[in-house]
Protein backbone atom coordinates (compact mmCIF):
# COMPACT_ATOMS: atom_id res chain seq x y z
CA MET A 1 0.00 0.00 0.00
CA LYS A 2 1.37 3.40 -0.95
CA SER A 3 2.16 5.53 2.12
CA GLY A 4 2.15 8.95 0.46
CA LYS A 5 5.71 9.44 1.67
CA THR A 6 8.90 9.93 -0.33
CA ILE A 7 12.41 10.13 1.06
CA CYS A 8 15.36 12.28 0.03
CA THR A 9 18.21 9.89 -0.71
CA VAL A 10 20.76 12.56 0.24
CA CYS A 11 19.65 13.72 3.70
CA ASN A 12 16.76 11.31 4.58
CA TYR A 13 14.16 14.10 4.73
CA ILE A 14 10.64 12.67 4.34
CA PHE A 15 8.00 14.45 2.25
CA ASP A 16 4.59 13.39 3.56
CA GLU A 17 1.66 14.19 1.26
CA ASN A 18 -0.67 14.14 4.28
CA ILE A 19 1.29 16.93 5.97
CA GLY A 20 2.68 18.98 3.09
CA GLU A 21 5.60 21.34 3.70
CA PRO A 22 4.57 24.52 5.57
CA ARG A 23 8.03 26.08 5.14
CA GLN A 24 7.49 26.10 1.39
CA GLY A 25 3.79 26.90 1.48
CA ILE A 26 2.84 23.39 0.30
CA LEU A 27 -0.57 22.39 1.64
CA PRO A 28 -1.57 18.86 2.74
CA ALA A 29 -2.99 16.45 0.13
CA LEU A 30 -0.74 17.72 -2.68
CA ARG A 31 0.76 14.65 -4.37
CA PHE A 32 4.53 14.47 -4.63
CA ASP A 33 4.21 13.79 -8.37
CA ASP A 34 2.30 17.07 -8.75
CA LEU A 35 5.11 19.18 -7.30
CA SER A 36 6.95 21.31 -9.84
CA ASP A 37 9.99 19.68 -11.44
CA GLU A 38 11.95 22.63 -10.04
CA TRP A 39 10.97 21.72 -6.46
CA CYS A 40 13.88 20.91 -4.16
CA CYS A 41 14.35 19.32 -0.75
CA PRO A 42 13.77 21.90 2.03
CA GLU A 43 16.56 20.38 4.11
CA CYS A 44 19.46 19.98 1.67
CA SER A 45 18.16 21.52 -1.61
CA SER A 46 18.52 18.24 -3.51
CA ALA A 47 16.55 18.02 -6.75
CA LYS A 48 13.17 16.25 -6.90
CA GLU A 49 14.75 13.40 -8.84
CA MET A 50 16.81 12.51 -5.75
CA PHE A 51 13.63 11.33 -3.94
CA GLN A 52 12.44 7.72 -3.82
CA PRO A 53 9.12 6.19 -2.69
CA CYS A 54 9.09 5.23 0.98
CA SER A 55 7.15 2.12 2.01
CA CYS A 56 7.03 2.75 5.75
CA VAL A 57 3.77 3.92 7.34
CA SER A 58 5.33 5.33 10.50
CA LEU A 59 8.89 6.56 10.84
CA SER A 60 11.09 6.25 13.88
CA ALA A 61 13.62 8.91 14.83
CA ASN A 62 16.24 6.83 13.05
CA ALA A 63 15.66 7.23 9.31
CA GLU A 64 17.58 4.01 8.65
CA THR A 65 14.42 2.08 9.64
CA CYS A 66 12.69 3.46 6.57
CA VAL A 67 12.57 1.01 3.66
CA VAL A 68 13.60 2.77 0.45
CA HIS A 69 12.78 1.26 -2.94
CA ARG A 70 16.33 1.01 -4.16
CA GLU A 71 19.25 -1.30 -3.53
CA GLU A 72 22.09 1.15 -2.99
CA LYS A 73 22.75 2.65 0.43
CA ILE A 74 21.59 6.18 1.23
CA ASP A 75 24.48 8.62 0.99
CA SER A 76 26.42 9.29 4.17
CA PRO A 77 27.22 12.90 5.14
CA LYS A 78 30.68 12.50 3.61
CA GLU A 79 29.11 11.35 0.35
CA ALA A 80 26.95 14.49 0.25
CA VAL A 81 29.74 16.01 -1.86
CA SER A 82 28.94 14.02 -4.97
CA ARG A 83 30.20 14.34 -8.51
CA ALA A 84 26.61 13.70 -9.63
CA LYS A 85 25.22 16.78 -7.86
CA SER A 86 24.86 20.07 -9.67
CA VAL A 87 27.47 22.68 -8.77
CA GLY A 88 24.67 25.08 -7.83
CA GLN A 89 23.26 22.53 -5.39
CA LEU A 90 26.69 21.96 -3.83
CA VAL A 91 27.06 25.66 -3.04
CA ALA A 92 23.44 25.94 -1.87
CA GLU A 93 24.14 23.20 0.69
CA GLN A 94 27.44 24.71 1.84
CA PRO A 95 28.33 28.28 0.73
CA GLY A 96 31.96 27.75 1.77
CA ARG A 97 32.39 25.51 -1.26
CA ALA A 98 32.08 28.52 -3.57
CA CYS A 99 35.70 29.59 -3.12
CA ILE A 100 36.93 26.15 -4.25
CA LEU A 101 34.83 26.27 -7.41
CA GLU A 102 35.87 29.89 -8.04
CA ALA A 103 39.53 28.89 -7.83
CA HIS A 104 38.97 26.33 -10.61
CA GLY A 105 36.93 28.70 -12.78
CA ILE A 106 33.74 26.67 -12.32
CA ASP A 107 30.54 28.70 -12.73
CA TYR A 108 28.06 27.78 -9.99
CA CYS A 109 25.52 30.56 -10.63
CA CYS A 110 24.33 30.83 -14.26
CA GLY A 111 26.01 27.51 -15.04
CA GLY A 112 24.96 25.96 -11.75
CA LYS A 113 22.65 23.30 -13.20
CA ILE A 114 25.35 21.01 -14.58
CA THR A 115 26.90 18.32 -12.41
CA LEU A 116 30.30 18.69 -10.80
CA GLU A 117 31.61 15.92 -13.02
CA GLU A 118 30.42 17.71 -16.17
CA ALA A 119 31.86 21.03 -14.97
CA CYS A 120 35.27 19.48 -14.27
CA LYS A 121 35.27 17.74 -17.64
CA LYS A 122 34.59 21.06 -19.42
CA LYS A 123 37.52 22.65 -17.58
CA GLY A 124 39.83 19.66 -18.04
CA ILE A 125 40.19 19.24 -14.27
CA PRO A 126 40.27 15.84 -12.50
CA VAL A 127 36.98 15.63 -10.60
CA GLU A 128 38.67 13.67 -7.79
CA GLU A 129 40.96 16.64 -7.12
CA VAL A 130 38.02 19.03 -6.75
CA LEU A 131 36.04 16.54 -4.63
CA GLU A 132 38.96 16.24 -2.23
CA LYS A 133 39.19 20.02 -1.83
CA LEU A 134 35.43 20.36 -1.33
CA LEU A 135 35.49 17.71 1.40
CA ALA A 136 38.40 19.49 3.08
CA ALA A 137 36.49 22.79 2.94
CA ASP A 138 33.45 21.13 4.55
CA GLN A 139 35.55 19.92 7.46
CA LYS A 140 36.82 23.40 8.27
CA GLU A 141 34.93 25.35 10.89
CA GLN A 142 32.43 27.61 9.15
CA PRO A 143 31.26 30.95 10.55
CA ASP A 144 27.65 31.20 11.65
CA ALA A 145 25.45 32.02 8.68
CA VAL A 146 21.79 31.97 7.74
CA ASP A 147 20.66 28.72 6.16
CA TRP A 148 19.11 30.33 3.08
CA PRO A 149 17.72 27.08 1.57
CA THR A 150 15.37 26.84 4.58
CA ALA A 151 14.99 30.48 5.68
CA LYS A 152 11.83 32.46 4.98
CA LEU A 153 11.68 33.57 1.37
CA ALA A 154 10.86 37.10 2.52
CA ASP A 155 14.10 37.18 4.51
CA LEU A 156 16.06 35.87 1.52
CA VAL A 157 14.54 38.53 -0.74
CA ASP A 158 15.39 41.28 1.77
CA HIS A 159 18.94 39.91 2.04
CA ILE A 160 19.40 39.97 -1.75
CA ILE A 161 18.17 43.56 -2.00
CA ALA A 162 20.18 44.87 0.96
CA ASP A 163 23.41 42.94 0.43
CA TYR A 164 23.55 42.66 -3.37
CA HIS A 165 21.19 45.03 -5.20
CA GLN A 166 21.90 48.20 -3.25
CA PRO A 167 25.72 47.79 -3.12
CA LEU A 168 25.76 46.79 -6.81
CA ARG A 169 23.94 49.97 -7.83
CA GLN A 170 26.53 52.04 -5.97
CA GLU A 171 29.43 50.08 -7.45
CA LEU A 172 28.14 50.33 -11.02
CA ALA A 173 27.84 54.11 -10.63
CA ARG A 174 31.39 54.32 -9.22
CA VAL A 175 33.04 52.13 -11.87
CA MET A 176 31.41 53.66 -14.97
CA PRO A 177 33.54 56.87 -14.86
CA LEU A 178 36.67 54.73 -14.42
CA ALA A 179 35.84 52.73 -17.56
CA GLU A 180 35.20 55.94 -19.51
CA LYS A 181 38.48 57.52 -18.35
CA VAL A 182 40.59 54.44 -19.15
CA ALA A 183 38.99 54.15 -22.60
CA ARG A 184 39.65 57.84 -23.28
CA VAL A 185 43.25 57.92 -22.03
CA HIS A 186 44.45 54.43 -23.01
CA GLY A 187 42.10 53.62 -25.89
CA ASP A 188 44.67 54.28 -28.63
CA ASN A 189 47.20 51.81 -27.18
CA HIS A 190 44.58 49.46 -25.75
CA PRO A 191 41.53 49.45 -28.04
CA GLU A 192 40.12 46.52 -26.08
CA MET A 193 39.39 48.96 -23.24
CA VAL A 194 37.03 50.92 -25.50
CA LYS A 195 35.12 47.67 -26.00
CA VAL A 196 35.18 47.04 -22.25
CA LYS A 197 33.73 50.50 -21.65
CA ASP A 198 30.90 49.90 -24.13
CA ILE A 199 30.13 46.45 -22.72
CA PHE A 200 30.16 47.76 -19.15
CA ASN A 201 27.86 50.64 -20.07
CA HIS A 202 25.31 48.18 -21.49
CA PHE A 203 25.87 45.77 -18.58
CA LYS A 204 25.16 48.59 -16.10
CA ALA A 205 21.98 49.76 -17.85
CA GLN A 206 20.58 46.25 -18.20
CA LEU A 207 21.36 45.27 -14.60
CA GLU A 208 19.76 48.41 -13.19
CA LEU A 209 16.57 47.68 -15.14
CA HIS A 210 16.76 44.00 -14.17
CA MET A 211 16.99 44.75 -10.44
CA GLN A 212 14.12 47.23 -10.70
CA LYS A 213 11.88 44.58 -12.30
CA GLU A 214 12.76 42.08 -9.60
CA GLU A 215 12.08 44.53 -6.79
CA MET A 216 8.83 45.89 -8.23
CA VAL A 217 7.29 42.73 -9.71
CA LEU A 218 8.91 39.38 -8.97
CA PHE A 219 10.05 39.78 -5.36
CA PRO A 220 6.71 41.17 -4.09
CA GLY A 221 4.97 38.27 -5.85
CA ILE A 222 7.21 35.74 -4.12
CA LYS A 223 6.58 37.35 -0.73
CA SER A 224 2.83 37.34 -1.33
CA MET A 225 2.85 33.66 -2.31
CA GLU A 226 4.70 32.75 0.87
CA THR A 227 2.35 34.82 3.05
CA THR A 228 -0.98 33.87 1.49
CA GLY A 229 -0.21 30.42 0.11
CA SER A 230 -2.00 31.48 -3.09
CA PRO A 231 -0.57 31.41 -6.63
CA GLN A 232 0.34 34.74 -8.20
CA ILE A 233 -0.85 35.84 -11.63
CA PHE A 234 1.45 38.21 -13.50
CA GLY A 235 0.96 40.64 -16.37
CA CYS A 236 0.30 38.18 -19.19
CA GLY A 237 -1.93 35.98 -17.06
CA GLY A 238 0.79 33.42 -16.42
CA GLY A 239 2.26 32.21 -13.16
CA ILE A 240 5.51 33.05 -11.43
CA GLU A 241 7.49 30.70 -13.66
CA HIS A 242 7.29 33.23 -16.51
CA PRO A 243 9.03 36.21 -14.82
CA ILE A 244 11.52 33.78 -13.28
CA GLU A 245 12.37 32.48 -16.74
CA VAL A 246 12.93 36.04 -17.98
CA MET A 247 15.10 36.94 -14.97
CA SER A 248 17.17 33.77 -15.45
CA LEU A 249 17.80 34.62 -19.10
CA GLU A 250 18.91 38.10 -18.08
CA HIS A 251 21.29 36.54 -15.56
CA ASP A 252 22.80 34.53 -18.42
CA GLU A 253 23.26 37.71 -20.46
CA ALA A 254 24.99 39.45 -17.54
CA GLY A 255 27.26 36.44 -17.08
CA GLU A 256 28.19 36.51 -20.77
CA ALA A 257 29.10 40.22 -20.51
CA LEU A 258 31.38 39.48 -17.56
CA ARG A 259 33.05 36.61 -19.41
CA THR A 260 33.64 38.83 -22.45
CA MET A 261 35.23 41.60 -20.35
CA ARG A 262 37.46 39.02 -18.66
CA GLN A 263 38.60 37.69 -22.04
CA LEU A 264 39.26 41.17 -23.44
CA THR A 265 41.45 42.07 -20.45
CA ASN A 266 43.37 38.78 -20.34
CA ASP A 267 41.75 37.77 -17.04
CA TYR A 268 41.90 41.36 -15.78
CA THR A 269 45.70 41.50 -16.03
CA PRO A 270 47.06 45.10 -16.03
CA PRO A 271 49.41 45.86 -18.94
CA GLU A 272 52.87 47.26 -18.21
CA ASP A 273 51.81 50.83 -19.00
CA ALA A 274 48.67 50.69 -16.84
CA CYS A 275 48.15 53.72 -14.61
CA ASN A 276 46.54 53.48 -11.19
CA THR A 277 43.08 54.21 -12.60
CA PHE A 278 43.55 51.37 -15.09
CA LYS A 279 44.51 49.00 -12.27
CA VAL A 280 41.64 50.13 -10.05
CA LEU A 281 39.19 49.54 -12.90
CA LEU A 282 40.39 45.97 -13.46
CA PHE A 283 40.34 45.23 -9.73
CA SER A 284 36.80 46.64 -9.48
CA LEU A 285 35.60 44.46 -12.35
CA ILE A 286 36.98 41.40 -10.55
CA GLN A 287 35.06 42.33 -7.40
CA ILE A 288 31.84 42.90 -9.35
CA GLU A 289 32.23 39.50 -11.00
CA LEU A 290 32.75 37.73 -7.66
CA GLU A 291 29.75 39.47 -6.09
CA MET A 292 27.61 38.67 -9.13
CA HIS A 293 28.46 34.98 -8.79
CA GLN A 294 27.14 34.92 -5.21
CA HIS A 295 24.20 37.18 -6.08
CA VAL A 296 23.00 35.15 -9.08
CA HIS A 297 23.64 31.86 -7.30
CA LYS A 298 21.28 32.79 -4.47
CA GLU A 299 18.57 33.71 -6.96
CA ASN A 300 19.01 30.97 -9.58
CA ASN A 301 19.76 28.07 -7.25
CA ILE A 302 17.91 28.94 -4.03
CA LEU A 303 15.25 31.65 -4.37
CA PHE A 304 13.81 30.74 -7.77
CA PRO A 305 13.50 26.94 -7.23
CA ARG A 306 11.87 27.49 -3.84
CA ALA A 307 9.44 30.04 -5.31
CA LEU A 308 8.57 27.69 -8.17
CA ALA A 309 7.81 24.95 -5.64
CA LEU A 310 5.03 27.15 -4.24
CA GLN A 311 3.20 27.34 -7.54
CA LYS A 312 2.65 24.69 -10.18
CA PRO A 313 3.51 25.82 -13.73
CA THR A 314 0.70 27.46 -15.66
CA ALA A 315 0.05 27.52 -19.38
CA PRO A 316 2.54 29.69 -21.30
CA CYS A 317 1.49 33.18 -22.38
CA ARG A 318 0.12 33.53 -25.89
């Protein structure tokens, strides 16, 4: 007899259809199969596909008593760092892993949906080497931090606005004159810096509009869904998946602009004749890129999947 329970094969969290998941606004009686494909485990952020049917009717405090419909053993905590997990999921579970991936040039924000094994293969890096470093990072003492995969969505939204949107607006305004000055003074000897100035100008304008749309439309909708438990209908009559799709595409465009500026500047390496303004500009672009990685990661891999889990996809706009 089916119990209406499914178990996360990563952390042993049980989703019970008879209880729902109040933290994600999921009401009782909603079938697991009817959850959005973007839904993730509220405990460890594992993807829906990592869940298996659970045959037990009542669960003891020890999750090992639960019979799972698969032969392999449930992952131990050490095995939580898996080559089969997406890089975005790995950072969502443990933010301290981000610095390891950054050091290897692995994109965990816009490119966060591919597995660690795939990411390492693309970079030509032995996956075992990265796994070893990630495990070592997990064993280090981590400073106290908010567990964003389980925190209130309203708190996560406020955190993104206060700690990423507002500082980014200030930084974009500060860096734009630097890019213009370097292009004007060094453009003859370094024509690539004229291209960097033009790309940054477009990057700045698009990001400012992007953040405004999130703060005026998407974020209030997410907060309302969490508070009321009711689906939100947006401008074209569609659900929240439509603005999230648009915001995700704009994240990809911003990431491409950053990659292009990095390529044009030889990984932000100052030339021999670089003045202090030139060096400050390159350093500032590095800092913006690093902040954008964290910023986009928290939206693409934590906020958006959790918001999508609150509302089943609707028909596309026509």
